[in-house]
Structures are given as structure tokens and as C-alpha cells.
Amino acid sequence: MERLGKWLRACWLDALGIALAAVFALPSLAFRFGRDQAIFHYIGREWWRHGTLPYRDAFDLKPPAIYVVHALTYGTLGGGEWAIRAVEIVVVLGTGILAALALPRGPLRHPGTLGCGALLASGWYYTNFDFWHSAQVESWESLCLVAALAIVARATPGARSALATGVALGCAFLFKTTAAIPAFAIGLYVTIEAFATAPAGLRSRQAILRGLWLTAGVLLPVALTVAFFAVHKGGLAALRDAVVIVGRYAKINVESTLSERLRGFWFDQSGLWLGLGAGGWLAAIVHAAQTRDWPRFWRVIGLALVALATFASVAIQQKYYYYHEGVLGCFVVLAVLLSLAPLTRDRAAASLILAIGLMFGALFAAPPWYNNHDVNYRTFTQSWWKPSERRTLDQKFIGEAQFSHPAQQEIADAIKVRARPGDRLHVRGFELGIYCLSGLSTPVRFVSDLHLDGAYNPHGAQDAAQDEALLIREPPRFFVTFRDRPWDLDPIKQRGYHEVVRSGLFVLLERG
């Protein structure tokens, strides 16, 4: 009975923490698509609906796993913008729960630890990442990395656990190629631990075998992905083409320096969590040294080195967009949990209360949205909870380079009024939200003409000519371009299109 009582208490505290974390995240269901989320959704939707193969039939720069996620989300939950946000809530909470399981300590868990992880993950993620920077591949990459760490911490060492760890790391790579850096660090961590814990005469053999099984696990999802593209006509060539373009794109820098982005995100945006996380690592290291718990000491050091390797994978991209920092979320949560671990062990309810306090403290200290400085997560949540203000929510989704969700919605509404089954649409620029909102698709491969840039697409001019020839040969019924591009607007009208409506920078034209 005593064991049953402890189990029920553990479940109750964890369930409470996870439920509160989910409630905290619910307003994100009203987030609209930014440019990146729209292209992920479009490629996944067309893959599910029409078998449109990524890269070959609809081109983008991300690895294929994110399109798989959107295809499955569309197939199960439908095409609403809320669907991927609902899935992401599960991802964020799962990241926090797995971070709790990755703690370097003996028992499977103590009461409330999983709930604390979910609360901290939800608090960190939703107060720091607005609609533009959330639902990016980094949240999935973070989930896969922390899943690998949880397997290392909890599974019985051996071939199966090493294989499972490798599969998780391989999946992380399929979401973001730079995950290879933290994956290598985790692999090294696993190999060294196998060497250190094996009997004296078997150390080298155990370390080598563990490393081989882990490598096999990494290669398994990657090999299956390559095989999938290989069995589709032109799929492997398109995948190879994408690798070349991504490699060239990676060499293009942005104007911001690493120090500017570090200051902008980790000090101005997320300083609260930086302080908590750094304090957590330091407290755990000092506590392990004071108690002479050297296995725990070295495990904490190892996790810190993996976190540094993950940060290096962000810095090496040289783009320094804020959403790139999302992959570090699992380590932020893990670091804070390290400092809460003694409380979680001895006073579970007190630790849960503290995690709740941190989550709501982050809400009241929430920084302004990167793309709309008049809004932060707290003020957005206040509007979301009030039915009288929900009609104004769309006005909050504006972004850089004159991005405007309200303008996209107005254009999409005008298309839906006029569209008939089988109609096609083409949109200039990188504004795929109009495809998502209208339900129509384009006949061309380069769904965003941004990726025709000759600076990183070695045959961009040829690709642009092919797509333009297709638009002339198989003209879509609707065309959307920009009012400040008369060199594009006038030739489109000469092809038999007439202007229907303007909204923001957009001009909608209809053929016939």
C-alpha cells in the first residue's frame, strides 16, 4: 500500500504539472503561419494530397523530416494553422519530460520531476518564441537530442540502448543537418561511459561495440530516407541537388555578428533563463564535488559539454536567427532541473510550486515579439482569452520585410470566393501563406522564388526560366504579385490576367 500511495502521489504531481504546462501553451493554437511555417505546411500538404515529392516537385532548403511531420499532421488533423501548433505543444511538453528523464541520477524519477520539466519547457519556449520563431525545425531537433540523452540515462547499457540512441540522433539529423555536431558529442559521451563502466579487461571491446551500434542507429533513418527518394523517379537527383544548394546557402552570412545575436537573444530576450540555467549547471557541479559523488560529477560535466556542442551547431550556421536557439531548450530545462533536483527528491510539491512560479514569472517578464514589439506572450494571451478581442488577433501577426498575415487572409478570401475545383494559383516571393489559406497550389517546382537566387543556387537562372515557361504553358487561374513590381505586374496582365483586388503589398489577378 505504501508503494501504491507513493506511485499515485508521483502520478498526481506529474499530471498536475503537465496539465498546467499545456494550459500555459494553449494560446499558441491561435498563432498564424509565418513564412517558414507556411512553406513547411505547403510541401507537407501537397505531399499528402497529391504525392508531390519534396525537392523534386516542391523545393525548399530544410531536411525532409519536417515535411513528413506536416504531411502526417495534415492527414490526421487537417489543414488548419492550429494543427501544427497543437502538435508542437506535445513536442514542447515532451522535451521537458524527457529532460527530466535525462537527469543523471539513479531512480527512474521522483514525484513531480516530469511535471517540473514540462512546466519549465512551456515557460521558456512560449515566452521567448513568437509565431514567427516557433513551429521551426529546432524544436523537433531538440526533442530528438534530449530523447537520446534520456535513453543514455535510463536504459540498461547495451546494444539495444546504443542502437535506440543512434536512431534518435539520426532523426535529429533529418530535421537539421547541424545536429551532427551534438550527435557526435553524445556518441563520444556514450563511448567514454561504456569504456569507464566496463570491467577492466573488456573496456576497449565494450566501447567499440557501443560505438558501432550507435553508429548503426544513426545511419538507419538516414539510409531509409535516401532509399525512399531513390525509389522515386528523379528523387535521388533532386535530393542531391538540394544538398548542393543547401551547402552553398550555408556559406552566406547575415549582417549581424555572433556577439550581437548572443546579446540580443540570451541577454535581452532570455536573460532570466540564461541565469537560471547557468546557476543550475554550477550548483549541480559544486554539489556533486562536495558530496564526492564523482560519477554524477562527470555526468553533469559531460552533459554540459554536449550543451556546448549544441551551441556550436547554432553558431556554425552564421545566420544567427533567434529561432536557431530553440534547439538549446532541452538543455535550459535540464540545467534548471539540476538545481531543483534536491527539492524534487525531498519536497516534491515545493519543487512543483517553484517551477509553476518560474513559468508564470517568465510570463510577466516576457520580452516583446521579435516581429511586433507591441505584443508579448502575456498581452497576446490576454487577447486570446477574451472573445471580444479575438477578431483583432490577426492584426498582431505582422513581421519583417512587410509580412502581413491580415493581407494574406484578405487575398485568400477573395480567391476562395472565385475559385472552382481544379483551379491553380501562383504567388511571387516567399508568401506561401496564401496557398495555405486558399487551399490552392502552384504548378511550379520552386514554390518560393527566393530559392532561385543565383548567389547560392548554381542553376537559378535555368530553374527560373523553366518555372516561368511552365506558368505560360499551363497558366494558373490566379496570380499574386506585388504592387511595387510594375516590371512583373504589367507582363502578367498582358498574358490575359486582370486585377481583382489589392491588399497591403499584394495584387491578386485572375485569368479570363
Protein backbone atom coordinates (compact mmCIF):
# COMPACT_ATOMS: atom_id res chain seq x y z
CA MET A 1 0.00 0.00 0.00
CA GLU A 2 2.83 2.38 0.80
CA ARG A 3 4.34 1.83 -2.65
CA LEU A 4 0.95 2.36 -4.27
CA GLY A 5 0.49 5.60 -2.34
CA LYS A 6 3.90 6.87 -3.47
CA TRP A 7 3.10 5.93 -7.09
CA LEU A 8 -0.26 7.73 -7.01
CA ARG A 9 1.38 10.79 -5.46
CA ALA A 10 4.03 10.82 -8.16
CA CYS A 11 1.45 10.50 -10.92
CA TRP A 12 -0.77 13.20 -9.42
CA LEU A 13 2.03 15.73 -9.16
CA ASP A 14 3.36 14.99 -12.63
CA ALA A 15 -0.12 15.10 -14.17
CA LEU A 16 -0.80 18.45 -12.50
CA GLY A 17 2.45 19.94 -13.79
CA ILE A 18 1.92 18.66 -17.34
CA ALA A 19 -1.69 19.87 -17.39
CA LEU A 20 -0.71 23.38 -16.23
CA ALA A 21 2.09 23.47 -18.81
CA ALA A 22 -0.41 22.56 -21.53
CA VAL A 23 -2.84 25.26 -20.40
CA PHE A 24 0.00 27.79 -20.48
CA ALA A 25 0.71 26.79 -24.09
CA LEU A 26 -2.91 26.81 -25.34
CA PRO A 27 -2.90 30.42 -26.66
CA SER A 28 -0.28 29.33 -29.22
CA LEU A 29 -3.07 27.45 -31.02
CA ALA A 30 -4.10 30.87 -32.37
CA PHE A 31 -0.65 31.56 -33.85
CA ARG A 32 -0.73 32.08 -37.61
CA PHE A 33 1.88 30.92 -40.08
CA GLY A 34 4.96 32.99 -40.74
CA ARG A 35 6.86 32.45 -43.96
CA ASP A 36 8.80 29.36 -42.83
CA GLN A 37 5.82 27.57 -41.29
CA ALA A 38 3.81 28.19 -44.46
CA ILE A 39 6.36 26.56 -46.78
CA PHE A 40 6.72 23.55 -44.45
CA HIS A 41 2.94 23.16 -44.39
CA TYR A 42 2.53 23.61 -48.13
CA ILE A 43 5.12 20.96 -49.05
CA GLY A 44 3.75 18.53 -46.46
CA ARG A 45 0.15 19.14 -47.59
CA GLU A 46 0.92 18.62 -51.27
CA TRP A 47 2.94 15.51 -50.45
CA TRP A 48 -0.06 14.05 -48.62
CA ARG A 49 -2.73 15.21 -51.09
CA HIS A 50 -1.05 14.71 -54.44
CA GLY A 51 2.16 12.76 -53.83
CA THR A 52 4.22 15.86 -54.61
CA LEU A 53 7.77 14.82 -53.71
CA PRO A 54 9.86 17.31 -51.71
CA TYR A 55 12.80 18.81 -53.64
CA ARG A 56 11.78 17.18 -56.94
CA ASP A 57 8.31 18.75 -57.22
CA ALA A 58 8.34 21.38 -54.45
CA PHE A 59 11.70 22.80 -53.41
CA ASP A 60 12.87 24.08 -50.04
CA LEU A 61 16.12 24.06 -48.07
CA LYS A 62 15.22 22.04 -44.96
CA PRO A 63 15.93 18.31 -44.46
CA PRO A 64 12.93 16.07 -45.18
CA ALA A 65 11.74 15.23 -41.65
CA ILE A 66 9.84 18.49 -41.17
CA TYR A 67 7.79 17.84 -44.32
CA VAL A 68 6.96 14.36 -43.03
CA VAL A 69 5.64 15.95 -39.83
CA HIS A 70 3.45 18.40 -41.75
CA ALA A 71 2.20 15.72 -44.14
CA LEU A 72 1.14 13.49 -41.23
CA THR A 73 -0.36 16.45 -39.36
CA TYR A 74 -2.39 17.41 -42.42
CA GLY A 75 -3.52 13.84 -42.92
CA THR A 76 -4.65 13.39 -39.32
CA LEU A 77 -5.70 16.85 -38.09
CA GLY A 78 -6.45 18.71 -41.32
CA GLY A 79 -5.10 21.85 -42.88
CA GLY A 80 -5.83 24.45 -40.21
CA GLU A 81 -3.00 26.61 -38.93
CA TRP A 82 -3.78 25.40 -35.41
CA ALA A 83 -2.92 21.77 -36.21
CA ILE A 84 0.86 22.04 -36.25
CA ARG A 85 0.68 24.25 -33.16
CA ALA A 86 -1.21 21.52 -31.32
CA VAL A 87 1.46 19.02 -32.32
CA GLU A 88 4.15 21.44 -31.19
CA ILE A 89 2.61 21.68 -27.72
CA VAL A 90 3.14 17.93 -27.44
CA VAL A 91 6.73 18.38 -28.66
CA VAL A 92 7.50 21.14 -26.15
CA LEU A 93 5.99 19.26 -23.21
CA GLY A 94 7.70 16.07 -24.38
CA THR A 95 11.03 17.88 -24.44
CA GLY A 96 10.56 18.94 -20.83
CA ILE A 97 9.52 15.45 -19.73
CA LEU A 98 12.48 13.83 -21.49
CA ALA A 99 14.83 16.41 -19.96
CA ALA A 100 13.60 15.25 -16.55
CA LEU A 101 14.31 11.64 -17.52
CA ALA A 102 17.80 12.65 -18.73
CA LEU A 103 18.82 13.83 -15.25
CA PRO A 104 21.92 11.91 -14.16
CA ARG A 105 20.56 10.13 -11.09
CA GLY A 106 19.61 6.61 -10.10
CA PRO A 107 15.84 6.10 -9.73
CA LEU A 108 13.60 6.41 -12.74
CA ARG A 109 12.02 9.56 -11.33
CA HIS A 110 10.93 11.31 -8.17
CA PRO A 111 7.42 12.72 -7.65
CA GLY A 112 6.78 15.82 -9.73
CA THR A 113 10.01 15.79 -11.76
CA LEU A 114 8.28 15.18 -15.07
CA GLY A 115 5.72 17.87 -14.31
CA CYS A 116 8.51 20.32 -13.44
CA GLY A 117 10.20 19.58 -16.76
CA ALA A 118 7.00 20.23 -18.71
CA LEU A 119 6.36 23.49 -16.83
CA LEU A 120 9.87 24.80 -17.43
CA ALA A 121 9.83 23.84 -21.11
CA SER A 122 6.49 25.54 -21.69
CA GLY A 123 7.54 28.65 -19.76
CA TRP A 124 10.81 29.04 -21.61
CA TYR A 125 9.55 28.28 -25.11
CA TYR A 126 6.34 30.25 -25.34
CA THR A 127 7.58 33.41 -23.67
CA ASN A 128 10.68 33.57 -25.89
CA PHE A 129 9.47 32.41 -29.30
CA ASP A 130 6.65 34.21 -31.08
CA PHE A 131 4.59 32.91 -34.01
CA TRP A 132 7.47 33.68 -36.38
CA HIS A 133 10.13 31.77 -34.43
CA SER A 134 8.03 28.85 -33.16
CA ALA A 135 7.00 25.70 -35.09
CA GLN A 136 10.50 25.62 -36.55
CA VAL A 137 12.63 22.51 -37.05
CA GLU A 138 14.75 23.31 -33.99
CA SER A 139 12.02 22.27 -31.55
CA TRP A 140 11.94 18.82 -33.16
CA GLU A 141 15.73 18.64 -33.24
CA SER A 142 15.80 19.44 -29.51
CA LEU A 143 13.24 16.69 -28.80
CA CYS A 144 15.35 14.10 -30.63
CA LEU A 145 18.58 15.13 -28.88
CA VAL A 146 17.06 15.01 -25.41
CA ALA A 147 15.41 11.68 -26.26
CA ALA A 148 18.88 10.32 -26.95
CA LEU A 149 20.12 11.67 -23.60
CA ALA A 150 17.14 10.16 -21.78
CA ILE A 151 17.88 6.75 -23.31
CA VAL A 152 21.51 7.03 -22.21
CA ALA A 153 20.47 7.98 -18.68
CA ARG A 154 17.66 5.44 -18.15
CA ALA A 155 18.10 2.42 -20.43
CA THR A 156 20.24 -0.55 -19.47
CA PRO A 157 23.61 -0.11 -21.20
CA GLY A 158 23.97 -2.44 -24.14
CA ALA A 159 23.49 -2.90 -27.86
CA ARG A 160 19.76 -2.11 -27.92
CA SER A 161 20.07 1.13 -25.95
CA ALA A 162 23.02 2.24 -28.11
CA LEU A 163 21.00 1.47 -31.25
CA ALA A 164 17.99 3.40 -29.93
CA THR A 165 20.22 6.35 -29.01
CA GLY A 166 21.62 6.36 -32.53
CA VAL A 167 18.15 6.28 -34.11
CA ALA A 168 17.16 9.35 -32.06
CA LEU A 169 20.32 11.16 -33.20
CA GLY A 170 19.72 10.14 -36.81
CA CYS A 171 16.22 11.61 -36.62
CA ALA A 172 17.70 14.84 -35.21
CA PHE A 173 19.99 14.99 -38.26
CA LEU A 174 16.97 14.59 -40.58
CA PHE A 175 15.44 17.68 -39.00
CA LYS A 176 18.65 19.73 -39.02
CA THR A 177 21.97 18.70 -40.56
CA THR A 178 23.96 20.69 -37.99
CA ALA A 179 22.65 18.22 -35.39
CA ALA A 180 25.65 16.14 -36.47
CA ILE A 181 27.79 18.19 -34.04
CA PRO A 182 25.84 17.44 -30.82
CA ALA A 183 25.20 13.91 -32.14
CA PHE A 184 28.95 13.34 -32.32
CA ALA A 185 29.32 14.73 -28.78
CA ILE A 186 26.61 12.40 -27.46
CA GLY A 187 28.18 9.46 -29.28
CA LEU A 188 31.52 10.28 -27.68
CA TYR A 189 29.79 10.59 -24.30
CA VAL A 190 28.23 7.12 -24.72
CA THR A 191 31.51 5.55 -25.85
CA ILE A 192 33.53 7.03 -22.98
CA GLU A 193 30.92 5.96 -20.44
CA ALA A 194 30.97 2.41 -21.86
CA PHE A 195 34.75 2.38 -21.51
CA ALA A 196 34.65 3.74 -17.95
CA THR A 197 31.96 1.37 -16.64
CA ALA A 198 33.07 -1.88 -18.30
CA PRO A 199 35.23 -4.47 -16.49
CA ALA A 200 38.94 -3.76 -16.84
CA GLY A 201 39.61 -6.45 -19.44
CA LEU A 202 36.61 -5.58 -21.61
CA ARG A 203 36.76 -1.80 -21.72
CA SER A 204 38.04 -1.33 -25.25
CA ARG A 205 35.76 -4.04 -26.64
CA GLN A 206 32.65 -2.62 -24.93
CA ALA A 207 33.43 0.93 -26.03
CA ILE A 208 33.96 -0.12 -29.66
CA LEU A 209 30.80 -2.25 -29.75
CA ARG A 210 28.71 0.52 -28.18
CA GLY A 211 30.05 2.99 -30.69
CA LEU A 212 29.32 0.67 -33.62
CA TRP A 213 25.73 0.03 -32.52
CA LEU A 214 25.18 3.74 -32.02
CA THR A 215 26.59 4.49 -35.48
CA ALA A 216 24.30 1.87 -36.98
CA GLY A 217 21.35 3.54 -35.27
CA VAL A 218 22.30 6.95 -36.68
CA LEU A 219 22.63 5.56 -40.20
CA LEU A 220 19.36 3.62 -40.12
CA PRO A 221 16.85 6.53 -40.51
CA VAL A 222 19.23 8.34 -42.86
CA ALA A 223 19.59 5.26 -45.09
CA LEU A 224 15.83 4.68 -45.13
CA THR A 225 15.31 8.30 -46.19
CA VAL A 226 17.83 8.06 -49.03
CA ALA A 227 16.26 4.76 -50.13
CA PHE A 228 12.81 6.37 -50.18
CA PHE A 229 13.99 9.10 -52.55
CA ALA A 230 15.93 6.58 -54.62
CA VAL A 231 12.84 4.52 -55.47
CA HIS A 232 11.04 7.61 -56.81
CA LYS A 233 11.99 8.70 -60.31
CA GLY A 234 14.21 11.77 -60.11
CA GLY A 235 14.01 11.76 -56.30
CA LEU A 236 17.66 10.98 -55.59
CA ALA A 237 18.90 13.56 -58.11
CA ALA A 238 16.61 16.18 -56.56
CA LEU A 239 17.88 15.29 -53.08
CA ARG A 240 21.45 15.61 -54.29
CA ASP A 241 20.58 18.94 -55.89
CA ALA A 242 19.15 20.15 -52.59
CA VAL A 243 22.32 19.16 -50.73
CA VAL A 244 24.42 21.25 -53.15
CA ILE A 245 22.15 24.30 -52.82
CA VAL A 246 21.99 24.00 -49.02
CA GLY A 247 25.77 23.79 -48.87
CA ARG A 248 26.12 26.99 -50.87
CA TYR A 249 23.39 28.71 -48.84
CA ALA A 250 25.24 27.84 -45.62
CA LYS A 251 28.18 29.97 -46.75
CA ILE A 252 26.06 33.13 -46.99
CA ASN A 253 26.37 35.27 -43.86
CA VAL A 254 23.94 37.80 -42.46
CA GLU A 255 24.89 41.24 -41.29
CA SER A 256 24.53 40.51 -37.56
CA THR A 257 27.56 39.18 -35.72
CA LEU A 258 27.58 36.34 -33.23
CA SER A 259 28.10 38.76 -30.33
CA GLU A 260 25.14 40.88 -31.43
CA ARG A 261 22.83 37.88 -31.66
CA LEU A 262 24.07 36.48 -28.35
CA ARG A 263 23.34 39.76 -26.65
CA GLY A 264 20.01 40.12 -28.41
CA PHE A 265 18.66 36.70 -27.50
CA TRP A 266 20.44 35.39 -24.43
CA PHE A 267 20.70 38.70 -22.56
CA ASP A 268 17.87 40.92 -23.81
CA GLN A 269 15.40 38.18 -24.75
CA SER A 270 16.14 35.24 -22.47
CA GLY A 271 18.35 36.61 -19.70
CA LEU A 272 16.14 35.13 -16.96
CA TRP A 273 16.60 31.62 -18.32
CA LEU A 274 20.30 32.11 -19.00
CA GLY A 275 20.83 32.99 -15.34
CA LEU A 276 18.72 30.09 -14.10
CA GLY A 277 20.42 27.63 -16.44
CA ALA A 278 23.97 28.73 -15.65
CA GLY A 279 23.16 28.62 -11.96
CA GLY A 280 21.74 25.11 -12.35
CA TRP A 281 24.87 23.73 -14.00
CA LEU A 282 27.14 25.34 -11.43
CA ALA A 283 25.02 24.21 -8.47
CA ALA A 284 24.95 20.62 -9.73
CA ILE A 285 28.71 20.51 -10.30
CA VAL A 286 29.51 22.02 -6.89
CA HIS A 287 27.03 19.75 -5.09
CA ALA A 288 28.45 16.62 -6.73
CA ALA A 289 32.01 17.67 -5.83
CA GLN A 290 31.07 18.47 -2.22
CA THR A 291 29.36 15.10 -1.75
CA ARG A 292 32.18 13.32 -3.62
CA ASP A 293 29.65 11.82 -5.99
CA TRP A 294 32.18 11.59 -8.80
CA PRO A 295 30.05 9.56 -11.25
CA ARG A 296 27.37 12.25 -11.04
CA PHE A 297 30.04 14.96 -11.27
CA TRP A 298 31.41 13.61 -14.55
CA ARG A 299 27.94 13.01 -15.97
CA VAL A 300 27.00 16.65 -15.31
CA ILE A 301 30.25 17.78 -16.92
CA GLY A 302 29.51 15.54 -19.90
CA LEU A 303 26.02 16.99 -20.31
CA ALA A 304 27.47 20.50 -20.15
CA LEU A 305 29.91 19.63 -22.93
CA VAL A 306 27.05 18.26 -25.05
CA ALA A 307 25.19 21.54 -24.48
CA LEU A 308 28.28 23.46 -25.64
CA ALA A 309 28.48 21.27 -28.75
CA THR A 310 24.82 22.06 -29.46
CA PHE A 311 25.53 25.76 -29.08
CA ALA A 312 28.44 25.34 -31.53
CA SER A 313 25.98 23.80 -34.01
CA VAL A 314 23.95 27.03 -33.78
CA ALA A 315 26.95 29.33 -34.09
CA ILE A 316 28.42 27.50 -37.10
CA GLN A 317 25.35 28.37 -39.20
CA GLN A 318 26.37 32.06 -39.09
CA LYS A 319 22.78 33.15 -39.69
CA TYR A 320 22.01 33.84 -36.00
CA TYR A 321 18.25 33.87 -36.37
CA TYR A 322 16.55 33.72 -32.99
CA TYR A 323 14.67 30.52 -33.76
CA HIS A 324 18.01 28.71 -34.16
CA GLU A 325 18.40 28.96 -30.38
CA GLY A 326 15.32 26.79 -29.92
CA VAL A 327 17.42 23.63 -30.08
CA LEU A 328 19.00 24.63 -26.75
CA GLY A 329 15.65 24.48 -24.97
CA CYS A 330 16.20 20.93 -23.67
CA PHE A 331 19.49 21.99 -22.07
CA VAL A 332 17.93 25.08 -20.47
CA VAL A 333 15.27 22.87 -18.88
CA LEU A 334 17.82 20.25 -17.90
CA ALA A 335 20.04 22.87 -16.25
CA VAL A 336 17.21 24.35 -14.18
CA LEU A 337 16.06 20.85 -13.19
CA LEU A 338 19.58 20.11 -11.97
CA SER A 339 19.27 22.91 -9.43
CA LEU A 340 15.77 21.75 -8.45
CA ALA A 341 16.77 18.08 -8.12
CA PRO A 342 17.36 18.13 -4.34
CA LEU A 343 13.96 19.79 -3.78
CA THR A 344 12.30 17.35 -6.15
CA ARG A 345 13.70 14.48 -4.15
CA ASP A 346 12.76 15.72 -0.70
CA ARG A 347 9.91 18.17 -1.19
CA ALA A 348 8.21 17.31 -4.44
CA ALA A 349 5.24 19.66 -4.02
CA ALA A 350 7.52 22.58 -3.12
CA SER A 351 9.61 21.95 -6.23
CA LEU A 352 6.49 21.87 -8.41
CA ILE A 353 5.28 25.13 -6.91
CA LEU A 354 8.66 26.69 -7.64
CA ALA A 355 8.50 25.51 -11.27
CA ILE A 356 4.99 26.97 -11.58
CA GLY A 357 6.33 30.24 -10.17
CA LEU A 358 9.16 30.29 -12.70
CA MET A 359 6.73 29.67 -15.55
CA PHE A 360 4.41 32.49 -14.56
CA GLY A 361 7.36 34.71 -13.69
CA ALA A 362 8.53 34.24 -17.27
CA LEU A 363 5.03 35.23 -18.44
CA PHE A 364 5.14 38.56 -16.62
CA ALA A 365 8.73 39.18 -17.74
CA ALA A 366 8.01 38.08 -21.32
CA PRO A 367 10.02 40.06 -23.90
CA PRO A 368 8.23 41.70 -26.84
CA TRP A 369 7.74 39.71 -30.00
CA TYR A 370 10.62 40.00 -32.37
CA ASN A 371 8.41 41.00 -35.31
CA ASN A 372 5.81 43.01 -33.43
CA HIS A 373 7.18 44.94 -30.46
CA ASP A 374 3.69 45.94 -29.35
CA VAL A 375 2.93 42.34 -28.33
CA ASN A 376 4.42 39.75 -26.00
CA TYR A 377 3.11 36.38 -24.88
CA ARG A 378 1.33 37.86 -21.87
CA THR A 379 -0.54 40.53 -23.84
CA PHE A 380 -1.33 38.06 -26.61
CA THR A 381 -2.71 35.60 -24.05
CA GLN A 382 -4.94 38.31 -22.58
CA SER A 383 -6.43 38.93 -26.03
CA TRP A 384 -6.82 35.22 -26.72
CA TRP A 385 -8.78 34.61 -23.54
CA LYS A 386 -11.22 37.46 -24.28
CA PRO A 387 -13.73 36.53 -27.01
CA SER A 388 -14.45 40.21 -27.66
CA GLU A 389 -10.83 40.76 -28.76
CA ARG A 390 -10.29 37.63 -30.83
CA ARG A 391 -11.36 39.40 -34.00
CA THR A 392 -8.34 41.67 -33.65
CA LEU A 393 -5.84 38.82 -33.19
CA ASP A 394 -4.96 38.62 -36.89
CA GLN A 395 -3.73 42.21 -36.77
CA LYS A 396 -0.94 41.10 -34.44
CA PHE A 397 0.66 38.77 -36.97
CA ILE A 398 2.93 41.12 -38.84
CA GLY A 399 6.62 40.61 -39.48
CA GLU A 400 9.83 41.65 -41.11
CA ALA A 401 10.06 42.60 -44.78
CA GLN A 402 6.46 43.88 -44.59
CA PHE A 403 5.00 40.48 -43.81
CA SER A 404 1.27 40.79 -43.11
CA HIS A 405 -0.99 37.88 -42.28
CA PRO A 406 -4.14 40.07 -42.50
CA ALA A 407 -3.25 41.00 -46.09
CA GLN A 408 -2.66 37.35 -46.96
CA GLN A 409 -6.01 36.42 -45.45
CA GLU A 410 -7.84 39.08 -47.49
CA ILE A 411 -6.25 37.85 -50.72
CA ALA A 412 -7.03 34.22 -49.85
CA ASP A 413 -10.65 35.07 -49.07
CA ALA A 414 -11.01 36.77 -52.45
CA ILE A 415 -9.59 33.66 -54.15
CA LYS A 416 -11.92 31.25 -52.32
CA VAL A 417 -14.98 33.25 -53.40
CA ARG A 418 -13.98 32.88 -57.07
CA ALA A 419 -12.19 29.51 -57.16
CA ARG A 420 -13.57 26.38 -58.81
CA PRO A 421 -12.36 22.78 -58.44
CA GLY A 422 -9.06 22.24 -60.24
CA ASP A 423 -8.00 25.91 -60.22
CA ARG A 424 -4.33 26.67 -59.67
CA LEU A 425 -2.55 29.67 -58.16
CA HIS A 426 0.93 31.11 -58.30
CA VAL A 427 2.32 33.56 -55.74
CA ARG A 428 5.52 35.53 -56.23
CA GLY A 429 8.06 35.93 -53.45
CA PHE A 430 8.10 33.93 -50.23
CA GLU A 431 4.44 34.29 -49.27
CA LEU A 432 3.19 30.72 -49.19
CA GLY A 433 0.62 31.51 -46.51
CA ILE A 434 -1.74 32.43 -49.36
CA TYR A 435 -1.55 28.85 -50.66
CA CYS A 436 -2.25 27.51 -47.17
CA LEU A 437 -5.20 29.84 -46.57
CA SER A 438 -6.78 29.41 -50.01
CA GLY A 439 -6.18 25.66 -50.36
CA LEU A 440 -4.81 26.10 -53.90
CA SER A 441 -1.42 25.04 -55.23
CA THR A 442 1.09 26.13 -57.84
CA PRO A 443 2.23 24.05 -60.83
CA VAL A 444 5.92 25.05 -60.48
CA ARG A 445 8.75 23.40 -58.58
CA PHE A 446 10.21 26.48 -56.91
CA VAL A 447 7.22 27.41 -54.78
CA SER A 448 9.27 30.29 -53.39
CA ASP A 449 11.24 32.22 -55.98
CA LEU A 450 13.60 33.24 -53.16
CA HIS A 451 15.35 29.91 -53.76
CA LEU A 452 16.14 30.89 -57.34
CA ASP A 453 18.79 33.28 -56.01
CA GLY A 454 21.94 32.75 -58.06
CA ALA A 455 24.10 33.54 -55.02
CA TYR A 456 23.50 30.01 -53.74
CA ASN A 457 21.52 28.24 -56.48
CA PRO A 458 24.13 27.41 -59.13
CA HIS A 459 21.48 26.99 -61.83
CA GLY A 460 18.93 29.50 -60.54
CA ALA A 461 18.52 31.23 -63.91
CA GLN A 462 17.76 27.92 -65.63
CA ASP A 463 15.29 26.89 -62.89
CA ALA A 464 13.57 30.29 -63.09
CA ALA A 465 13.23 30.01 -66.87
CA GLN A 466 11.75 26.50 -66.60
CA ASP A 467 9.21 27.57 -63.98
CA GLU A 468 8.22 30.68 -65.96
CA ALA A 469 7.81 28.63 -69.15
CA LEU A 470 5.51 26.26 -67.25
CA LEU A 471 3.41 29.20 -65.97
CA ILE A 472 2.96 30.35 -69.58
CA ARG A 473 2.28 26.85 -70.93
CA GLU A 474 -0.11 25.88 -68.11
CA PRO A 475 -1.35 29.26 -66.82
CA PRO A 476 -2.92 29.12 -63.35
CA ARG A 477 -6.24 30.85 -62.95
CA PHE A 478 -4.95 33.15 -60.20
CA PHE A 479 -1.69 35.08 -59.92
CA VAL A 480 -0.44 37.10 -56.94
CA THR A 481 2.41 39.58 -57.25
CA PHE A 482 3.39 42.88 -55.60
CA ARG A 483 2.16 46.37 -56.32
CA ASP A 484 5.72 47.76 -56.24
CA ARG A 485 6.84 45.45 -59.09
CA PRO A 486 5.48 47.06 -62.28
CA TRP A 487 8.06 45.09 -64.30
CA ASP A 488 6.25 41.92 -63.20
CA LEU A 489 2.67 43.21 -62.91
CA ASP A 490 2.38 44.55 -66.45
CA PRO A 491 3.62 41.40 -68.26
CA ILE A 492 1.22 39.27 -66.21
CA LYS A 493 -1.68 41.45 -67.34
CA GLN A 494 -0.51 41.05 -70.94
CA ARG A 495 -0.98 37.27 -70.56
CA GLY A 496 -4.73 37.77 -70.16
CA TYR A 497 -4.99 38.44 -66.42
CA HIS A 498 -7.00 41.28 -64.90
CA GLU A 499 -6.66 42.78 -61.47
CA VAL A 500 -9.20 41.67 -58.84
CA VAL A 501 -8.14 43.18 -55.52
CA ARG A 502 -5.21 44.72 -53.68
CA SER A 503 -4.31 44.26 -50.04
CA GLY A 504 -1.12 45.51 -48.46
CA LEU A 505 1.65 44.88 -50.99
CA PHE A 506 -0.32 42.12 -52.74
CA VAL A 507 -2.13 42.32 -56.07
CA LEU A 508 -4.47 39.47 -56.97
CA LEU A 509 -5.05 38.86 -60.67
CA GLU A 510 -7.47 36.45 -62.35
CA ARG A 511 -7.21 34.98 -65.83
CA GLY A 512 -10.08 35.32 -68.27
